[in-house]
Amino acid sequence: MNYVTIIEKTLRKNFEPVFLEVLDESEQHRGHVGFKDGIQTHFKIIISAKIFEKMSRVSRERAIHKALGSNMMKNIHALSIKFR
């Protein structure tokens, strides 16, 4: 199972989003710090969920990081999160 699938499943389970897109942007960072050939390290999440409506941006991001867990976050070099 790849990281995109794991991230998608985790976010769907925890936040029941009305919209979710998880993109692996690792290849776009070839040559940059944190890039590892053949390994997913850079991601972009675009998400919309009712649970986020009354949360600040910082609280939303913390909730996503917490849901993904410290083991997953150790393997991610860069995570861009956009809320709709």
N, C-alpha and C. Protein backbone atom coordinates (compact mmCIF):
# COMPACT_ATOMS: atom_id res chain seq x y z
N MET A 1 0.85 -1.19 0.00
CA MET A 1 0.00 0.00 0.00
C MET A 1 0.89 1.25 0.00
N ASN A 2 0.56 2.21 -0.83
CA ASN A 2 1.38 3.42 -0.90
C ASN A 2 0.86 4.48 0.07
N TYR A 3 1.68 5.50 0.29
CA TYR A 3 1.34 6.55 1.25
C TYR A 3 0.09 7.32 0.86
N VAL A 4 -0.13 7.56 -0.42
CA VAL A 4 -1.33 8.29 -0.85
C VAL A 4 -2.58 7.54 -0.38
N THR A 5 -2.60 6.24 -0.58
CA THR A 5 -3.74 5.42 -0.16
C THR A 5 -3.92 5.45 1.35
N ILE A 6 -2.83 5.34 2.09
CA ILE A 6 -2.89 5.36 3.55
C ILE A 6 -3.41 6.71 4.04
N ILE A 7 -2.90 7.80 3.47
CA ILE A 7 -3.33 9.14 3.86
C ILE A 7 -4.82 9.31 3.56
N GLU A 8 -5.24 8.93 2.36
CA GLU A 8 -6.65 9.05 1.98
C GLU A 8 -7.55 8.28 2.94
N LYS A 9 -7.23 7.03 3.21
CA LYS A 9 -8.05 6.20 4.10
C LYS A 9 -8.12 6.81 5.50
N THR A 10 -6.99 7.28 5.99
CA THR A 10 -6.94 7.87 7.34
C THR A 10 -7.79 9.12 7.41
N LEU A 11 -7.67 10.00 6.43
CA LEU A 11 -8.42 11.25 6.45
C LEU A 11 -9.92 11.00 6.27
N ARG A 12 -10.28 10.07 5.41
CA ARG A 12 -11.71 9.75 5.23
C ARG A 12 -12.30 9.20 6.52
N LYS A 13 -11.57 8.33 7.19
CA LYS A 13 -12.04 7.73 8.43
C LYS A 13 -12.21 8.77 9.54
N ASN A 14 -11.25 9.69 9.66
CA ASN A 14 -11.24 10.64 10.77
C ASN A 14 -12.08 11.89 10.55
N PHE A 15 -12.24 12.32 9.29
CA PHE A 15 -12.87 13.61 9.05
C PHE A 15 -14.10 13.56 8.14
N GLU A 16 -14.40 12.43 7.53
CA GLU A 16 -15.54 12.28 6.63
C GLU A 16 -15.65 13.47 5.66
N PRO A 17 -14.61 13.70 4.88
CA PRO A 17 -14.60 14.88 4.00
C PRO A 17 -15.64 14.80 2.88
N VAL A 18 -16.13 15.98 2.50
CA VAL A 18 -17.02 16.06 1.33
C VAL A 18 -16.16 16.16 0.07
N PHE A 19 -14.92 16.58 0.24
CA PHE A 19 -13.96 16.61 -0.86
C PHE A 19 -12.59 16.25 -0.30
N LEU A 20 -11.87 15.38 -1.01
CA LEU A 20 -10.51 15.02 -0.60
C LEU A 20 -9.70 14.66 -1.82
N GLU A 21 -8.54 15.26 -1.91
CA GLU A 21 -7.58 14.91 -2.95
C GLU A 21 -6.21 14.86 -2.29
N VAL A 22 -5.50 13.76 -2.49
CA VAL A 22 -4.15 13.61 -1.96
C VAL A 22 -3.24 13.38 -3.15
N LEU A 23 -2.27 14.26 -3.31
CA LEU A 23 -1.35 14.19 -4.44
C LEU A 23 0.06 13.89 -3.96
N ASP A 24 0.72 12.99 -4.66
CA ASP A 24 2.14 12.70 -4.41
C ASP A 24 2.95 13.65 -5.29
N GLU A 25 3.59 14.62 -4.68
CA GLU A 25 4.39 15.60 -5.41
C GLU A 25 5.89 15.33 -5.28
N SER A 26 6.25 14.14 -4.87
CA SER A 26 7.65 13.81 -4.59
C SER A 26 8.56 14.05 -5.79
N GLU A 27 8.13 13.60 -6.95
CA GLU A 27 8.99 13.72 -8.15
C GLU A 27 9.29 15.18 -8.49
N GLN A 28 8.38 16.07 -8.16
CA GLN A 28 8.60 17.50 -8.43
C GLN A 28 9.72 18.08 -7.58
N HIS A 29 10.14 17.34 -6.57
CA HIS A 29 11.18 17.82 -5.65
C HIS A 29 12.51 17.11 -5.84
N ARG A 30 12.65 16.43 -6.97
CA ARG A 30 13.92 15.75 -7.29
C ARG A 30 15.06 16.76 -7.20
N GLY A 31 16.09 16.39 -6.46
CA GLY A 31 17.25 17.27 -6.30
C GLY A 31 17.15 18.17 -5.08
N HIS A 32 15.99 18.22 -4.44
CA HIS A 32 15.82 19.05 -3.25
C HIS A 32 16.09 18.22 -1.99
N VAL A 33 16.30 18.91 -0.91
CA VAL A 33 16.49 18.25 0.38
C VAL A 33 15.25 17.42 0.69
N GLY A 34 15.45 16.22 1.20
CA GLY A 34 14.34 15.36 1.58
C GLY A 34 13.86 14.43 0.49
N PHE A 35 14.28 14.66 -0.76
CA PHE A 35 13.87 13.78 -1.84
C PHE A 35 14.63 12.47 -1.74
N LYS A 36 13.90 11.37 -1.87
CA LYS A 36 14.51 10.04 -1.87
C LYS A 36 13.98 9.31 -3.09
N ASP A 37 14.85 8.94 -3.99
CA ASP A 37 14.45 8.31 -5.24
C ASP A 37 13.60 7.07 -4.99
N GLY A 38 12.43 7.04 -5.61
CA GLY A 38 11.53 5.89 -5.51
C GLY A 38 10.70 5.84 -4.24
N ILE A 39 10.80 6.87 -3.40
CA ILE A 39 10.04 6.89 -2.14
C ILE A 39 9.14 8.12 -2.10
N GLN A 40 7.92 7.95 -1.68
CA GLN A 40 6.99 9.07 -1.56
C GLN A 40 7.34 9.88 -0.31
N THR A 41 7.64 11.17 -0.50
CA THR A 41 8.08 12.01 0.62
C THR A 41 7.38 13.37 0.66
N HIS A 42 6.79 13.80 -0.45
CA HIS A 42 6.19 15.13 -0.55
C HIS A 42 4.73 14.99 -1.00
N PHE A 43 3.81 15.59 -0.23
CA PHE A 43 2.39 15.42 -0.51
C PHE A 43 1.64 16.74 -0.44
N LYS A 44 0.55 16.79 -1.18
CA LYS A 44 -0.38 17.91 -1.11
C LYS A 44 -1.75 17.33 -0.83
N ILE A 45 -2.40 17.87 0.20
CA ILE A 45 -3.75 17.46 0.56
C ILE A 45 -4.68 18.64 0.32
N ILE A 46 -5.78 18.38 -0.38
CA ILE A 46 -6.84 19.36 -0.54
C ILE A 46 -8.07 18.71 0.08
N ILE A 47 -8.65 19.38 1.07
CA ILE A 47 -9.71 18.74 1.84
C ILE A 47 -10.80 19.74 2.25
N SER A 48 -12.00 19.24 2.28
CA SER A 48 -13.13 20.01 2.79
C SER A 48 -13.95 19.06 3.65
N ALA A 49 -14.20 19.47 4.90
CA ALA A 49 -14.98 18.64 5.81
C ALA A 49 -15.72 19.54 6.79
N LYS A 50 -16.91 19.15 7.11
CA LYS A 50 -17.74 19.92 8.03
C LYS A 50 -17.05 20.14 9.38
N ILE A 51 -16.33 19.15 9.84
CA ILE A 51 -15.65 19.24 11.14
C ILE A 51 -14.67 20.41 11.22
N PHE A 52 -14.16 20.84 10.07
CA PHE A 52 -13.16 21.92 10.05
C PHE A 52 -13.78 23.32 10.09
N GLU A 53 -15.08 23.42 9.88
CA GLU A 53 -15.71 24.73 9.73
C GLU A 53 -15.48 25.68 10.90
N LYS A 54 -15.47 25.19 12.11
CA LYS A 54 -15.32 26.05 13.28
C LYS A 54 -13.92 26.02 13.87
N MET A 55 -12.99 25.42 13.15
CA MET A 55 -11.61 25.31 13.63
C MET A 55 -10.73 26.34 12.94
N SER A 56 -9.73 26.82 13.67
CA SER A 56 -8.75 27.71 13.05
C SER A 56 -7.87 26.89 12.11
N ARG A 57 -7.16 27.57 11.24
CA ARG A 57 -6.27 26.88 10.31
C ARG A 57 -5.24 26.04 11.05
N VAL A 58 -4.66 26.60 12.10
CA VAL A 58 -3.66 25.87 12.88
C VAL A 58 -4.28 24.62 13.51
N SER A 59 -5.47 24.74 14.05
CA SER A 59 -6.16 23.59 14.65
C SER A 59 -6.46 22.52 13.61
N ARG A 60 -6.84 22.94 12.42
CA ARG A 60 -7.11 21.99 11.34
C ARG A 60 -5.85 21.20 10.99
N GLU A 61 -4.76 21.94 10.82
CA GLU A 61 -3.50 21.27 10.46
C GLU A 61 -3.03 20.34 11.57
N ARG A 62 -3.17 20.77 12.81
CA ARG A 62 -2.79 19.90 13.93
C ARG A 62 -3.64 18.64 13.95
N ALA A 63 -4.94 18.78 13.66
CA ALA A 63 -5.83 17.62 13.64
C ALA A 63 -5.41 16.62 12.56
N ILE A 64 -5.02 17.13 11.41
CA ILE A 64 -4.58 16.26 10.32
C ILE A 64 -3.28 15.56 10.70
N HIS A 65 -2.32 16.30 11.24
CA HIS A 65 -1.05 15.70 11.67
C HIS A 65 -1.30 14.63 12.73
N LYS A 66 -2.17 14.92 13.68
CA LYS A 66 -2.48 13.95 14.74
C LYS A 66 -3.13 12.70 14.16
N ALA A 67 -4.07 12.88 13.24
CA ALA A 67 -4.74 11.74 12.62
C ALA A 67 -3.76 10.85 11.86
N LEU A 68 -2.82 11.47 11.16
CA LEU A 68 -1.83 10.70 10.41
C LEU A 68 -0.87 9.97 11.33
N GLY A 69 -0.62 10.54 12.50
CA GLY A 69 0.22 9.87 13.49
C GLY A 69 1.71 10.15 13.31
N SER A 70 2.42 10.04 14.39
CA SER A 70 3.85 10.37 14.37
C SER A 70 4.66 9.44 13.47
N ASN A 71 4.29 8.17 13.38
CA ASN A 71 5.04 7.26 12.51
C ASN A 71 4.94 7.67 11.05
N MET A 72 3.73 8.04 10.62
CA MET A 72 3.55 8.48 9.22
C MET A 72 4.27 9.80 9.00
N MET A 73 4.12 10.73 9.95
CA MET A 73 4.73 12.05 9.79
C MET A 73 6.25 11.98 9.74
N LYS A 74 6.86 10.98 10.36
CA LYS A 74 8.32 10.81 10.30
C LYS A 74 8.78 10.49 8.88
N ASN A 75 7.89 9.87 8.10
CA ASN A 75 8.24 9.47 6.74
C ASN A 75 7.90 10.53 5.69
N ILE A 76 7.22 11.58 6.11
CA ILE A 76 6.85 12.66 5.19
C ILE A 76 7.80 13.83 5.37
N HIS A 77 8.43 14.24 4.28
CA HIS A 77 9.34 15.38 4.36
C HIS A 77 8.58 16.70 4.23
N ALA A 78 7.59 16.73 3.33
CA ALA A 78 6.82 17.97 3.10
C ALA A 78 5.35 17.63 2.91
N LEU A 79 4.51 18.41 3.60
CA LEU A 79 3.07 18.21 3.52
C LEU A 79 2.39 19.57 3.37
N SER A 80 1.77 19.77 2.21
CA SER A 80 1.02 20.98 1.94
C SER A 80 -0.46 20.66 2.14
N ILE A 81 -1.15 21.49 2.94
CA ILE A 81 -2.56 21.24 3.20
C ILE A 81 -3.36 22.48 2.78
N LYS A 82 -4.33 22.27 1.92
CA LYS A 82 -5.22 23.34 1.49
C LYS A 82 -6.63 22.96 1.90
N PHE A 83 -7.34 23.91 2.52
CA PHE A 83 -8.70 23.68 2.96
C PHE A 83 -9.66 24.39 2.03
N ARG A 84 -10.74 23.72 1.68
CA ARG A 84 -11.77 24.29 0.81
C ARG A 84 -12.96 24.67 1.63
